[in-house]
Amino acid sequence: MKILVTGGAGFIGSAVIRYLIQSTEHHVVNVDALTYAGNLESLTEVEGSDRYAFEQADIGDVSRMVAILITTNRML
């Protein structure tokens, strides 16, 4: 299964992503704008996984989100 996590560099999102990569076989795409609450250091444990991808984007940017979904579908 492919899972899109928005705000994945935040406290809760990063915990969800670490769990998914470490405890399941799911593929995870993390979309985060990296504003004040985003911290990619909380994802260093999973950044090398071939089942994890990070995209820096604002979820309000519709054209960027469509591009991410298309690319992710081909990538993972």
Protein backbone atom coordinates (compact mmCIF):
# COMPACT_ATOMS: atom_id res chain seq x y z
CA MET A 1 0.00 0.00 0.00
CA LYS A 2 1.13 3.57 -0.67
CA ILE A 3 0.42 6.09 2.07
CA LEU A 4 0.63 9.87 1.74
CA VAL A 5 1.38 11.65 5.01
CA THR A 6 0.93 15.41 5.12
CA GLY A 7 2.90 17.26 7.75
CA GLY A 8 5.20 14.28 8.09
CA ALA A 9 8.11 16.35 9.43
CA GLY A 10 6.06 17.37 12.46
CA PHE A 11 5.93 15.58 15.80
CA ILE A 12 2.97 13.29 15.11
CA GLY A 13 3.57 12.86 11.39
CA SER A 14 7.17 11.79 11.88
CA ALA A 15 6.13 9.24 14.50
CA VAL A 16 3.55 7.80 12.10
CA ILE A 17 6.12 7.60 9.30
CA ARG A 18 8.74 5.92 11.50
CA TYR A 19 6.16 3.36 12.59
CA LEU A 20 4.99 2.66 9.03
CA ILE A 21 8.51 2.20 7.65
CA GLN A 22 9.83 0.20 10.60
CA SER A 23 6.76 -1.97 11.28
CA THR A 24 4.99 -2.48 7.94
CA GLU A 25 5.79 -3.07 4.28
CA HIS A 26 3.92 0.06 3.14
CA HIS A 27 5.46 2.79 0.99
CA VAL A 28 5.25 6.30 2.47
CA VAL A 29 5.34 9.70 0.80
CA ASN A 30 5.87 12.58 3.19
CA VAL A 31 4.60 15.97 2.00
CA ASP A 32 5.59 18.86 4.25
CA ALA A 33 6.09 22.59 3.66
CA LEU A 34 8.76 22.65 6.39
CA THR A 35 7.37 25.64 8.23
CA TYR A 36 8.06 26.36 11.92
CA ALA A 37 6.97 22.88 13.10
CA GLY A 38 8.74 20.77 10.48
CA ASN A 39 11.97 19.02 11.42
CA LEU A 40 13.49 16.47 9.05
CA GLU A 41 15.99 15.39 11.71
CA SER A 42 13.19 13.37 13.30
CA LEU A 43 13.14 11.19 10.17
CA THR A 44 16.84 10.31 9.87
CA GLU A 45 16.05 6.68 10.83
CA VAL A 46 13.93 6.18 7.72
CA GLU A 47 15.38 8.57 5.13
CA GLY A 48 17.48 5.82 3.57
CA SER A 49 14.55 3.47 3.04
CA ASP A 50 13.56 2.76 -0.55
CA ARG A 51 9.94 2.78 0.69
CA TYR A 52 10.15 6.42 1.88
CA ALA A 53 10.03 9.61 -0.16
CA PHE A 54 9.98 13.25 0.92
CA GLU A 55 8.47 16.12 -1.05
CA GLN A 56 8.72 19.69 0.20
CA ALA A 57 5.44 21.27 -0.82
CA ASP A 58 2.42 23.14 0.47
CA ILE A 59 -0.72 20.98 0.28
CA GLY A 60 -2.63 24.09 -0.85
CA ASP A 61 -0.64 24.12 -4.10
CA VAL A 62 -2.95 21.98 -6.22
CA SER A 63 -0.71 21.70 -9.27
CA ARG A 64 2.26 20.66 -7.12
CA MET A 65 0.17 18.05 -5.30
CA VAL A 66 -1.08 16.60 -8.60
CA ALA A 67 2.52 16.38 -9.81
CA ILE A 68 3.57 14.63 -6.57
CA LEU A 69 0.74 12.11 -6.85
CA ILE A 70 1.59 11.34 -10.49
CA THR A 71 5.31 11.00 -9.75
CA THR A 72 4.69 8.95 -6.62
CA ASN A 73 2.46 6.55 -8.49
CA ARG A 74 5.30 5.86 -10.94
CA MET A 75 8.06 5.93 -8.33
CA LEU A 76 6.90 3.64 -5.55
